[in-house]
């Protein structure tokens, strides 16, 4: 939770993420962790129920080093393994995260009712 609370954009909104959500993901979904120098520096999780990226966060100070790209790739791979052909996510407009997703090949598809940007991306499935 330390990393999630430390980010400067897309700040934590307890109305969107309940303690039960966190428990479900820890117990039921792949959660990918980047460890460096004996500490967790980032994490990601895809939701196998609906094909969405549920979380992708990198500790401030460790951004721009490929950690987010690697963690996003793992979350997308887990969604493909769960049978999804497309991944989706949402993020706040005007953020570095939105630009990151565009650079990663995600396609913007409008906004949700709360104004968040909606993105999607075709997933590569294994042979």
Protein backbone atom coordinates (compact mmCIF):
# COMPACT_ATOMS: atom_id res chain seq x y z
CA UNK A 1 0.00 0.00 0.00
CA UNK A 2 2.99 2.29 0.57
CA UNK A 3 3.65 2.64 -3.17
CA UNK A 4 -0.03 3.10 -4.00
CA UNK A 5 -0.33 5.95 -1.50
CA UNK A 6 2.94 7.59 -2.62
CA UNK A 7 2.04 8.23 -6.26
CA UNK A 8 1.53 11.86 -7.28
CA UNK A 9 -1.10 11.24 -10.00
CA UNK A 10 -4.13 8.97 -10.03
CA UNK A 11 -4.17 9.28 -6.26
CA UNK A 12 -5.85 6.68 -4.12
CA UNK A 13 -9.63 6.94 -3.93
CA UNK A 14 -11.03 4.66 -1.22
CA UNK A 15 -14.48 4.94 -2.79
CA UNK A 16 -13.15 3.02 -5.82
CA UNK A 17 -11.00 0.43 -4.03
CA UNK A 18 -12.32 -1.31 -0.95
CA UNK A 19 -10.32 -3.46 1.47
CA UNK A 20 -12.31 -6.41 0.10
CA UNK A 21 -11.06 -5.58 -3.42
CA UNK A 22 -7.46 -5.70 -2.23
CA UNK A 23 -8.01 -9.01 -0.44
CA UNK A 24 -9.66 -10.52 -3.54
CA UNK A 25 -6.75 -9.57 -5.78
CA UNK A 26 -4.12 -10.83 -3.35
CA UNK A 27 -5.95 -14.14 -2.98
CA UNK A 28 -7.40 -14.68 -6.49
CA UNK A 29 -5.49 -12.78 -9.18
CA UNK A 30 -1.87 -12.62 -10.24
CA UNK A 31 -0.23 -9.60 -8.64
CA UNK A 32 3.17 -8.84 -10.13
CA UNK A 33 5.83 -7.18 -8.00
CA UNK A 34 9.10 -5.48 -8.93
CA UNK A 35 11.70 -5.84 -6.21
CA UNK A 36 14.98 -3.99 -6.18
CA UNK A 37 17.55 -3.48 -3.44
CA UNK A 38 15.46 -5.63 -1.11
CA UNK A 39 12.31 -3.53 -1.43
CA UNK A 40 9.17 -3.52 -3.53
CA UNK A 41 9.41 -0.72 -6.11
CA UNK A 42 6.26 -1.38 -8.15
CA UNK A 43 3.33 -3.69 -8.71
CA UNK A 44 0.65 -4.53 -11.24
CA UNK A 45 -2.46 -6.67 -11.44
CA UNK A 46 -4.92 -7.57 -14.14
CA UNK A 47 -8.50 -8.53 -13.38
CA UNK A 48 -9.10 -11.97 -14.91
CA UNK A 49 -12.88 -11.51 -14.52
CA UNK A 50 -13.19 -8.63 -17.01
CA UNK A 51 -9.81 -8.23 -18.72
CA UNK A 52 -8.95 -4.89 -17.15
CA UNK A 53 -5.70 -3.65 -15.70
CA UNK A 54 -6.62 -3.16 -12.07
CA UNK A 55 -3.32 -1.70 -10.88
CA UNK A 56 0.00 -0.46 -12.21
CA UNK A 57 2.08 1.64 -9.86
CA UNK A 58 5.78 2.40 -9.59
CA UNK A 59 7.37 4.05 -6.59
CA UNK A 60 8.23 7.71 -7.22
CA UNK A 61 11.94 7.96 -7.89
CA UNK A 62 11.97 4.65 -9.77
CA UNK A 63 9.86 5.81 -12.70
CA UNK A 64 11.29 6.01 -16.21
CA UNK A 65 13.45 2.90 -15.83
CA UNK A 66 11.26 0.33 -17.57
CA UNK A 67 9.66 -1.04 -14.41
CA UNK A 68 6.16 0.05 -15.42
CA UNK A 69 6.57 -1.40 -18.92
CA UNK A 70 7.71 -4.75 -17.52
CA UNK A 71 4.93 -4.90 -14.95
CA UNK A 72 2.30 -3.92 -17.52
CA UNK A 73 3.52 -6.67 -19.86
CA UNK A 74 3.15 -9.25 -17.06
CA UNK A 75 -0.37 -8.08 -16.20
CA UNK A 76 -1.37 -8.19 -19.88
CA UNK A 77 0.10 -11.67 -20.27
CA UNK A 78 -1.94 -12.88 -17.30
CA UNK A 79 -5.11 -11.47 -18.90
CA UNK A 80 -4.32 -13.24 -22.18
CA UNK A 81 -3.73 -16.47 -20.24
CA UNK A 82 -7.17 -15.97 -18.64
CA UNK A 83 -8.67 -15.97 -22.15
CA UNK A 84 -9.08 -12.26 -22.88
CA UNK A 85 -8.34 -10.96 -26.39
CA UNK A 86 -8.44 -7.30 -25.33
CA UNK A 87 -7.32 -5.51 -22.18
CA UNK A 88 -8.89 -2.33 -20.87
CA UNK A 89 -7.96 0.28 -18.30
CA UNK A 90 -8.84 3.75 -17.16
CA UNK A 91 -6.69 6.60 -15.90
CA UNK A 92 -7.03 10.27 -15.14
CA UNK A 93 -6.77 12.65 -18.12
CA UNK A 94 -3.73 14.89 -18.51
CA UNK A 95 -1.43 12.59 -16.55
CA UNK A 96 1.93 11.02 -17.26
CA UNK A 97 0.12 7.69 -16.96
CA UNK A 98 -2.13 8.53 -19.91
CA UNK A 99 0.92 9.38 -22.02
CA UNK A 100 2.67 6.20 -20.86
CA UNK A 101 -0.26 4.07 -22.04
CA UNK A 102 -0.35 5.83 -25.41
CA UNK A 103 3.39 5.16 -25.87
CA UNK A 104 2.75 1.51 -24.98
CA UNK A 105 0.26 1.20 -27.85
CA UNK A 106 -3.00 1.55 -25.94
CA UNK A 107 -5.86 3.20 -27.82
CA UNK A 108 -7.97 5.87 -26.15
CA UNK A 109 -11.70 5.24 -26.40
CA UNK A 110 -13.47 8.09 -24.66
CA UNK A 111 -14.25 8.73 -21.02
CA UNK A 112 -16.27 7.03 -18.33
CA UNK A 113 -19.04 8.71 -16.31
CA UNK A 114 -16.47 10.05 -13.81
CA UNK A 115 -14.32 11.58 -16.59
CA UNK A 116 -11.49 9.02 -16.56
CA UNK A 117 -9.89 8.18 -19.90
CA UNK A 118 -10.70 4.71 -21.20
CA UNK A 119 -8.01 2.75 -23.03
CA UNK A 120 -7.90 -0.65 -24.71
CA UNK A 121 -5.29 -2.84 -26.34
CA UNK A 122 -5.38 -6.13 -28.19
CA UNK A 123 -3.55 -8.87 -26.29
CA UNK A 124 -1.07 -11.25 -27.84
CA UNK A 125 -2.07 -14.81 -27.13
CA UNK A 126 0.38 -17.68 -26.88
CA UNK A 127 0.59 -20.46 -29.44
